Amino acid sequence: MRLRIICHMFATVDGRIDGNCLRLVSKGTEYEETGTELGRDAWICGRETMQQHFAENGRFESKTGVAGGEQPVYLARRA
């Protein structure tokens, strides 16, 4: 089975992706409805969206004091 990636985005003509103007043309459930209709099993979003919807308020404080650092990169030789 081959993976399918479908990007669906909603923005105003001037590139805004949030604000009162979108409420005039959207009921706010299009992403979920479209994903359900397409049978999606995952979704991805950018840093701003993650921060807006999933981050806790306040500054992050590490419990271990260990920096995250760079992560190893996996390069697929065959696809």
PDB file of N, CA and C in Angstrom:
ATOM      1  N   MET A   1       0.837  -1.176   0.000  1.00  0.00           N
ATOM      2  CA  MET A   1       0.000   0.000   0.000  1.00  0.00           C
ATOM      3  C   MET A   1       0.888   1.248   0.000  1.00  0.00           C
ATOM      4  N   ARG A   2       0.657   2.111  -0.937  1.00  0.00           N
ATOM      5  CA  ARG A   2       1.420   3.356  -1.012  1.00  0.00           C
ATOM      6  C   ARG A   2       0.754   4.422  -0.150  1.00  0.00           C
ATOM      7  N   LEU A   3       1.573   5.221   0.484  1.00  0.00           N
ATOM      8  CA  LEU A   3       1.049   6.315   1.279  1.00  0.00           C
ATOM      9  C   LEU A   3       0.506   7.407   0.378  1.00  0.00           C
ATOM     10  N   ARG A   4      -0.541   8.048   0.822  1.00  0.00           N
ATOM     11  CA  ARG A   4      -1.085   9.208   0.114  1.00  0.00           C
ATOM     12  C   ARG A   4      -1.043  10.382   1.068  1.00  0.00           C
ATOM     13  N   ILE A   5      -0.527  11.482   0.592  1.00  0.00           N
ATOM     14  CA  ILE A   5      -0.507  12.701   1.388  1.00  0.00           C
ATOM     15  C   ILE A   5      -1.346  13.735   0.660  1.00  0.00           C
ATOM     16  N   ILE A   6      -2.347  14.222   1.340  1.00  0.00           N
ATOM     17  CA  ILE A   6      -3.225  15.242   0.780  1.00  0.00           C
ATOM     18  C   ILE A   6      -3.129  16.467   1.668  1.00  0.00           C
ATOM     19  N   CYS A   7      -2.770  17.583   1.082  1.00  0.00           N
ATOM     20  CA  CYS A   7      -2.695  18.838   1.832  1.00  0.00           C
ATOM     21  C   CYS A   7      -3.922  19.662   1.517  1.00  0.00           C
ATOM     22  N   HIS A   8      -4.698  19.964   2.534  1.00  0.00           N
ATOM     23  CA  HIS A   8      -5.806  20.877   2.318  1.00  0.00           C
ATOM     24  C   HIS A   8      -5.637  22.018   3.313  1.00  0.00           C
ATOM     25  N   MET A   9      -5.640  23.217   2.769  1.00  0.00           N
ATOM     26  CA  MET A   9      -5.398  24.405   3.576  1.00  0.00           C
ATOM     27  C   MET A   9      -6.496  25.421   3.305  1.00  0.00           C
ATOM     28  N   PHE A  10      -6.713  26.255   4.276  1.00  0.00           N
ATOM     29  CA  PHE A  10      -7.772  27.246   4.183  1.00  0.00           C
ATOM     30  C   PHE A  10      -7.168  28.583   4.564  1.00  0.00           C
ATOM     31  N   ALA A  11      -7.197  29.534   3.657  1.00  0.00           N
ATOM     32  CA  ALA A  11      -6.616  30.850   3.928  1.00  0.00           C
ATOM     33  C   ALA A  11      -7.390  31.913   3.163  1.00  0.00           C
ATOM     34  N   THR A  12      -7.275  33.136   3.627  1.00  0.00           N
ATOM     35  CA  THR A  12      -7.884  34.251   2.917  1.00  0.00           C
ATOM     36  C   THR A  12      -6.977  34.654   1.759  1.00  0.00           C
ATOM     37  N   VAL A  13      -7.461  35.518   0.890  1.00  0.00           N
ATOM     38  CA  VAL A  13      -6.687  35.944  -0.270  1.00  0.00           C
ATOM     39  C   VAL A  13      -5.371  36.599   0.154  1.00  0.00           C
ATOM     40  N   ASP A  14      -5.364  37.300   1.288  1.00  0.00           N
ATOM     41  CA  ASP A  14      -4.134  37.953   1.742  1.00  0.00           C
ATOM     42  C   ASP A  14      -3.250  37.021   2.578  1.00  0.00           C
ATOM     43  N   GLY A  15      -3.568  35.731   2.617  1.00  0.00           N
ATOM     44  CA  GLY A  15      -2.705  34.749   3.268  1.00  0.00           C
ATOM     45  C   GLY A  15      -2.977  34.510   4.736  1.00  0.00           C
ATOM     46  N   ARG A  16      -3.967  35.157   5.293  1.00  0.00           N
ATOM     47  CA  ARG A  16      -4.260  34.934   6.714  1.00  0.00           C
ATOM     48  C   ARG A  16      -4.931  33.577   6.908  1.00  0.00           C
ATOM     49  N   ILE A  17      -4.549  32.932   7.980  1.00  0.00           N
ATOM     50  CA  ILE A  17      -5.139  31.618   8.265  1.00  0.00           C
ATOM     51  C   ILE A  17      -5.961  31.632   9.542  1.00  0.00           C
ATOM     52  N   ASP A  18      -6.109  32.798  10.138  1.00  0.00           N
ATOM     53  CA  ASP A  18      -6.894  32.904  11.359  1.00  0.00           C
ATOM     54  C   ASP A  18      -7.494  34.306  11.421  1.00  0.00           C
ATOM     55  N   GLY A  19      -8.552  34.444  12.146  1.00  0.00           N
ATOM     56  CA  GLY A  19      -9.147  35.759  12.305  1.00  0.00           C
ATOM     57  C   GLY A  19     -10.639  35.761  12.051  1.00  0.00           C
ATOM     58  N   ASN A  20     -11.256  36.870  12.351  1.00  0.00           N
ATOM     59  CA  ASN A  20     -12.701  36.995  12.211  1.00  0.00           C
ATOM     60  C   ASN A  20     -13.177  36.820  10.777  1.00  0.00           C
ATOM     61  N   CYS A  21     -12.352  37.228   9.800  1.00  0.00           N
ATOM     62  CA  CYS A  21     -12.789  37.137   8.411  1.00  0.00           C
ATOM     63  C   CYS A  21     -13.066  35.692   7.988  1.00  0.00           C
ATOM     64  N   LEU A  22     -12.334  34.734   8.536  1.00  0.00           N
ATOM     65  CA  LEU A  22     -12.570  33.337   8.171  1.00  0.00           C
ATOM     66  C   LEU A  22     -13.891  32.827   8.736  1.00  0.00           C
ATOM     67  N   ARG A  23     -14.315  33.375   9.825  1.00  0.00           N
ATOM     68  CA  ARG A  23     -15.584  32.947  10.417  1.00  0.00           C
ATOM     69  C   ARG A  23     -16.775  33.301   9.528  1.00  0.00           C
ATOM     70  N   LEU A  24     -16.576  34.264   8.651  1.00  0.00           N
ATOM     71  CA  LEU A  24     -17.651  34.652   7.737  1.00  0.00           C
ATOM     72  C   LEU A  24     -17.877  33.625   6.633  1.00  0.00           C
ATOM     73  N   VAL A  25     -16.856  32.854   6.301  1.00  0.00           N
ATOM     74  CA  VAL A  25     -16.960  31.897   5.194  1.00  0.00           C
ATOM     75  C   VAL A  25     -16.783  30.443   5.627  1.00  0.00           C
ATOM     76  N   SER A  26     -16.542  30.211   6.905  1.00  0.00           N
ATOM     77  CA  SER A  26     -16.281  28.856   7.373  1.00  0.00           C
ATOM     78  C   SER A  26     -17.039  28.585   8.662  1.00  0.00           C
ATOM     79  N   LYS A  27     -17.542  27.369   8.781  1.00  0.00           N
ATOM     80  CA  LYS A  27     -18.189  26.997  10.034  1.00  0.00           C
ATOM     81  C   LYS A  27     -17.185  26.416  11.022  1.00  0.00           C
ATOM     82  N   GLY A  28     -15.930  26.239  10.588  1.00  0.00           N
ATOM     83  CA  GLY A  28     -14.865  25.824  11.489  1.00  0.00           C
ATOM     84  C   GLY A  28     -14.648  24.336  11.644  1.00  0.00           C
ATOM     85  N   THR A  29     -15.382  23.518  10.909  1.00  0.00           N
ATOM     86  CA  THR A  29     -15.227  22.061  11.050  1.00  0.00           C
ATOM     87  C   THR A  29     -14.775  21.397   9.751  1.00  0.00           C
ATOM     88  N   GLU A  30     -14.364  22.195   8.778  1.00  0.00           N
ATOM     89  CA  GLU A  30     -14.002  21.644   7.464  1.00  0.00           C
ATOM     90  C   GLU A  30     -12.831  20.667   7.523  1.00  0.00           C
ATOM     91  N   TYR A  31     -11.804  20.951   8.339  1.00  0.00           N
ATOM     92  CA  TYR A  31     -10.648  20.054   8.410  1.00  0.00           C
ATOM     93  C   TYR A  31     -11.063  18.668   8.885  1.00  0.00           C
ATOM     94  N   GLU A  32     -11.804  18.620   9.972  1.00  0.00           N
ATOM     95  CA  GLU A  32     -12.224  17.333  10.513  1.00  0.00           C
ATOM     96  C   GLU A  32     -13.162  16.602   9.556  1.00  0.00           C
ATOM     97  N   GLU A  33     -14.110  17.322   8.973  1.00  0.00           N
ATOM     98  CA  GLU A  33     -15.058  16.695   8.048  1.00  0.00           C
ATOM     99  C   GLU A  33     -14.347  16.161   6.809  1.00  0.00           C
ATOM    100  N   THR A  34     -13.437  16.939   6.257  1.00  0.00           N
ATOM    101  CA  THR A  34     -12.695  16.496   5.071  1.00  0.00           C
ATOM    102  C   THR A  34     -11.837  15.286   5.396  1.00  0.00           C
ATOM    103  N   GLY A  35     -11.152  15.311   6.536  1.00  0.00           N
ATOM    104  CA  GLY A  35     -10.328  14.179   6.939  1.00  0.00           C
ATOM    105  C   GLY A  35     -11.136  12.914   7.113  1.00  0.00           C
ATOM    106  N   THR A  36     -12.295  13.032   7.725  1.00  0.00           N
ATOM    107  CA  THR A  36     -13.172  11.876   7.913  1.00  0.00           C
ATOM    108  C   THR A  36     -13.651  11.343   6.570  1.00  0.00           C
ATOM    109  N   GLU A  37     -14.056  12.240   5.691  1.00  0.00           N
ATOM    110  CA  GLU A  37     -14.540  11.829   4.374  1.00  0.00           C
ATOM    111  C   GLU A  37     -13.454  11.118   3.572  1.00  0.00           C
ATOM    112  N   LEU A  38     -12.198  11.572   3.698  1.00  0.00           N
ATOM    113  CA  LEU A  38     -11.093  10.967   2.957  1.00  0.00           C
ATOM    114  C   LEU A  38     -10.520   9.736   3.655  1.00  0.00           C
ATOM    115  N   GLY A  39     -11.000   9.419   4.845  1.00  0.00           N
ATOM    116  CA  GLY A  39     -10.522   8.244   5.561  1.00  0.00           C
ATOM    117  C   GLY A  39      -9.110   8.403   6.091  1.00  0.00           C
ATOM    118  N   ARG A  40      -8.737   9.588   6.481  1.00  0.00           N
ATOM    119  CA  ARG A  40      -7.374   9.839   6.952  1.00  0.00           C
ATOM    120  C   ARG A  40      -7.121   9.135   8.272  1.00  0.00           C
ATOM    121  N   ASP A  41      -5.845   8.769   8.497  1.00  0.00           N
ATOM    122  CA  ASP A  41      -5.496   8.144   9.766  1.00  0.00           C
ATOM    123  C   ASP A  41      -4.388   8.916  10.483  1.00  0.00           C
ATOM    124  N   ALA A  42      -4.049  10.088   9.970  1.00  0.00           N
ATOM    125  CA  ALA A  42      -3.041  10.930  10.617  1.00  0.00           C
ATOM    126  C   ALA A  42      -3.191  12.352  10.097  1.00  0.00           C
ATOM    127  N   TRP A  43      -2.589  13.288  10.808  1.00  0.00           N
ATOM    128  CA  TRP A  43      -2.565  14.656  10.339  1.00  0.00           C
ATOM    129  C   TRP A  43      -1.321  15.330  10.893  1.00  0.00           C
ATOM    130  N   ILE A  44      -0.929  16.406  10.281  1.00  0.00           N
ATOM    131  CA  ILE A  44       0.267  17.130  10.688  1.00  0.00           C
ATOM    132  C   ILE A  44      -0.033  18.623  10.630  1.00  0.00           C
ATOM    133  N   CYS A  45       0.606  19.350  11.497  1.00  0.00           N
ATOM    134  CA  CYS A  45       0.430  20.799  11.475  1.00  0.00           C
ATOM    135  C   CYS A  45       1.752  21.459  11.845  1.00  0.00           C
ATOM    136  N   GLY A  46       1.825  22.748  11.631  1.00  0.00           N
ATOM    137  CA  GLY A  46       3.049  23.497  11.878  1.00  0.00           C
ATOM    138  C   GLY A  46       3.215  23.920  13.328  1.00  0.00           C
ATOM    139  N   ARG A  47       4.351  24.559  13.601  1.00  0.00           N
ATOM    140  CA  ARG A  47       4.699  24.969  14.947  1.00  0.00           C
ATOM    141  C   ARG A  47       3.671  25.918  15.551  1.00  0.00           C
ATOM    142  N   GLU A  48       3.229  26.884  14.774  1.00  0.00           N
ATOM    143  CA  GLU A  48       2.275  27.862  15.289  1.00  0.00           C
ATOM    144  C   GLU A  48       0.967  27.195  15.714  1.00  0.00           C
ATOM    145  N   THR A  49       0.476  26.294  14.896  1.00  0.00           N
ATOM    146  CA  THR A  49      -0.766  25.590  15.225  1.00  0.00           C
ATOM    147  C   THR A  49      -0.569  24.702  16.450  1.00  0.00           C
ATOM    148  N   MET A  50       0.540  23.993  16.512  1.00  0.00           N
ATOM    149  CA  MET A  50       0.812  23.149  17.674  1.00  0.00           C
ATOM    150  C   MET A  50       0.875  23.992  18.941  1.00  0.00           C
ATOM    151  N   GLN A  51       1.562  25.126  18.853  1.00  0.00           N
ATOM    152  CA  GLN A  51       1.682  25.993  20.022  1.00  0.00           C
ATOM    153  C   GLN A  51       0.314  26.532  20.438  1.00  0.00           C
ATOM    154  N   GLN A  52      -0.487  26.931  19.467  1.00  0.00           N
ATOM    155  CA  GLN A  52      -1.794  27.517  19.753  1.00  0.00           C
ATOM    156  C   GLN A  52      -2.740  26.512  20.404  1.00  0.00           C
ATOM    157  N   HIS A  53      -2.727  25.272  19.936  1.00  0.00           N
ATOM    158  CA  HIS A  53      -3.730  24.312  20.392  1.00  0.00           C
ATOM    159  C   HIS A  53      -3.245  23.292  21.420  1.00  0.00           C
ATOM    160  N   PHE A  54      -1.937  23.040  21.486  1.00  0.00           N
ATOM    161  CA  PHE A  54      -1.478  21.930  22.310  1.00  0.00           C
ATOM    162  C   PHE A  54      -0.439  22.274  23.371  1.00  0.00           C
ATOM    163  N   ALA A  55       0.178  23.438  23.297  1.00  0.00           N
ATOM    164  CA  ALA A  55       1.216  23.783  24.271  1.00  0.00           C
ATOM    165  C   ALA A  55       0.600  24.310  25.558  1.00  0.00           C
ATOM    166  N   GLU A  56       1.257  24.034  26.658  1.00  0.00           N
ATOM    167  CA  GLU A  56       0.817  24.582  27.933  1.00  0.00           C
ATOM    168  C   GLU A  56       1.275  26.032  28.034  1.00  0.00           C
ATOM    169  N   ASN A  57       0.594  26.799  28.834  1.00  0.00           N
ATOM    170  CA  ASN A  57       0.991  28.187  29.058  1.00  0.00           C
ATOM    171  C   ASN A  57       2.276  28.243  29.870  1.00  0.00           C
ATOM    172  N   GLY A  58       3.032  29.309  29.695  1.00  0.00           N
ATOM    173  CA  GLY A  58       4.255  29.496  30.464  1.00  0.00           C
ATOM    174  C   GLY A  58       5.482  28.967  29.764  1.00  0.00           C
ATOM    175  N   ARG A  59       6.605  29.202  30.381  1.00  0.00           N
ATOM    176  CA  ARG A  59       7.899  28.807  29.829  1.00  0.00           C
ATOM    177  C   ARG A  59       8.180  27.331  30.148  1.00  0.00           C
ATOM    178  N   PHE A  60       8.755  26.620  29.189  1.00  0.00           N
ATOM    179  CA  PHE A  60       9.108  25.216  29.391  1.00  0.00           C
ATOM    180  C   PHE A  60      10.342  25.121  30.277  1.00  0.00           C
ATOM    181  N   GLU A  61      10.255  24.291  31.285  1.00  0.00           N
ATOM    182  CA  GLU A  61      11.388  24.026  32.170  1.00  0.00           C
ATOM    183  C   GLU A  61      11.682  22.534  32.131  1.00  0.00           C
ATOM    184  N   SER A  62      12.899  22.177  31.736  1.00  0.00           N
ATOM    185  CA  SER A  62      13.285  20.773  31.660  1.00  0.00           C
ATOM    186  C   SER A  62      13.405  20.184  33.060  1.00  0.00           C
ATOM    187  N   LYS A  63      12.842  19.004  33.254  1.00  0.00           N
ATOM    188  CA  LYS A  63      12.940  18.337  34.555  1.00  0.00           C
ATOM    189  C   LYS A  63      14.296  17.676  34.746  1.00  0.00           C
ATOM    190  N   THR A  64      14.985  17.346  33.643  1.00  0.00           N
ATOM    191  CA  THR A  64      16.278  16.670  33.740  1.00  0.00           C
ATOM    192  C   THR A  64      17.452  17.622  33.565  1.00  0.00           C
ATOM    193  N   GLY A  65      17.211  18.788  32.974  1.00  0.00           N
ATOM    194  CA  GLY A  65      18.298  19.727  32.730  1.00  0.00           C
ATOM    195  C   GLY A  65      19.168  19.349  31.544  1.00  0.00           C
ATOM    196  N   VAL A  66      18.785  18.306  30.818  1.00  0.00           N
ATOM    197  CA  VAL A  66      19.556  17.851  29.659  1.00  0.00           C
ATOM    198  C   VAL A  66      18.993  18.509  28.408  1.00  0.00           C
ATOM    199  N   ALA A  67      19.880  19.136  27.638  1.00  0.00           N
ATOM    200  CA  ALA A  67      19.451  19.783  26.399  1.00  0.00           C
ATOM    201  C   ALA A  67      19.028  18.740  25.381  1.00  0.00           C
ATOM    202  N   GLY A  68      18.059  19.107  24.538  1.00  0.00           N
ATOM    203  CA  GLY A  68      17.585  18.187  23.512  1.00  0.00           C
ATOM    204  C   GLY A  68      18.647  17.884  22.474  1.00  0.00           C
ATOM    205  N   GLY A  69      19.340  18.927  22.016  1.00  0.00           N
ATOM    206  CA  GLY A  69      20.396  18.741  21.034  1.00  0.00           C
ATOM    207  C   GLY A  69      19.876  18.278  19.691  1.00  0.00           C
ATOM    208  N   GLU A  70      20.793  18.094  18.775  1.00  0.00           N
ATOM    209  CA  GLU A  70      20.420  17.632  17.436  1.00  0.00           C
ATOM    210  C   GLU A  70      20.098  16.149  17.478  1.00  0.00           C
ATOM    211  N   GLN A  71      19.149  15.757  16.654  1.00  0.00           N
ATOM    212  CA  GLN A  71      18.739  14.370  16.574  1.00  0.00           C
ATOM    213  C   GLN A  71      19.346  13.728  15.331  1.00  0.00           C
ATOM    214  N   PRO A  72      19.620  12.433  15.375  1.00  0.00           N
ATOM    215  CA  PRO A  72      20.153  11.773  14.178  1.00  0.00           C
ATOM    216  C   PRO A  72      19.117  11.795  13.049  1.00  0.00           C
ATOM    217  N   VAL A  73      19.600  11.844  11.846  1.00  0.00           N
ATOM    218  CA  VAL A  73      18.727  11.890  10.677  1.00  0.00           C
ATOM    219  C   VAL A  73      18.804  10.544   9.976  1.00  0.00           C
ATOM    220  N   TYR A  74      17.659   9.973   9.637  1.00  0.00           N
ATOM    221  CA  TYR A  74      17.604   8.725   8.896  1.00  0.00           C
ATOM    222  C   TYR A  74      17.398   9.057   7.438  1.00  0.00           C
ATOM    223  N   LEU A  75      18.269   8.539   6.580  1.00  0.00           N
ATOM    224  CA  LEU A  75      18.156   8.760   5.142  1.00  0.00           C
ATOM    225  C   LEU A  75      17.765   7.436   4.491  1.00  0.00           C
ATOM    226  N   ALA A  76      16.594   7.406   3.890  1.00  0.00           N
ATOM    227  CA  ALA A  76      16.118   6.183   3.230  1.00  0.00           C
ATOM    228  C   ALA A  76      16.899   5.991   1.930  1.00  0.00           C
ATOM    229  N   ARG A  77      17.538   4.868   1.802  1.00  0.00           N
ATOM    230  CA  ARG A  77      18.314   4.562   0.590  1.00  0.00           C
ATOM    231  C   ARG A  77      17.414   4.090  -0.540  1.00  0.00           C
ATOM    232  N   ARG A  78      16.304   3.442  -0.175  1.00  0.00           N
ATOM    233  CA  ARG A  78      15.358   2.976  -1.170  1.00  0.00           C
ATOM    234  C   ARG A  78      13.978   3.458  -0.762  1.00  0.00           C
ATOM    235  N   ALA A  79      13.191   3.826  -1.741  1.00  0.00           N
ATOM    236  CA  ALA A  79      11.840   4.276  -1.416  1.00  0.00           C
ATOM    237  C   ALA A  79      10.860   3.627  -2.369  1.00  0.00           C
TER     238      ALA A  79
END
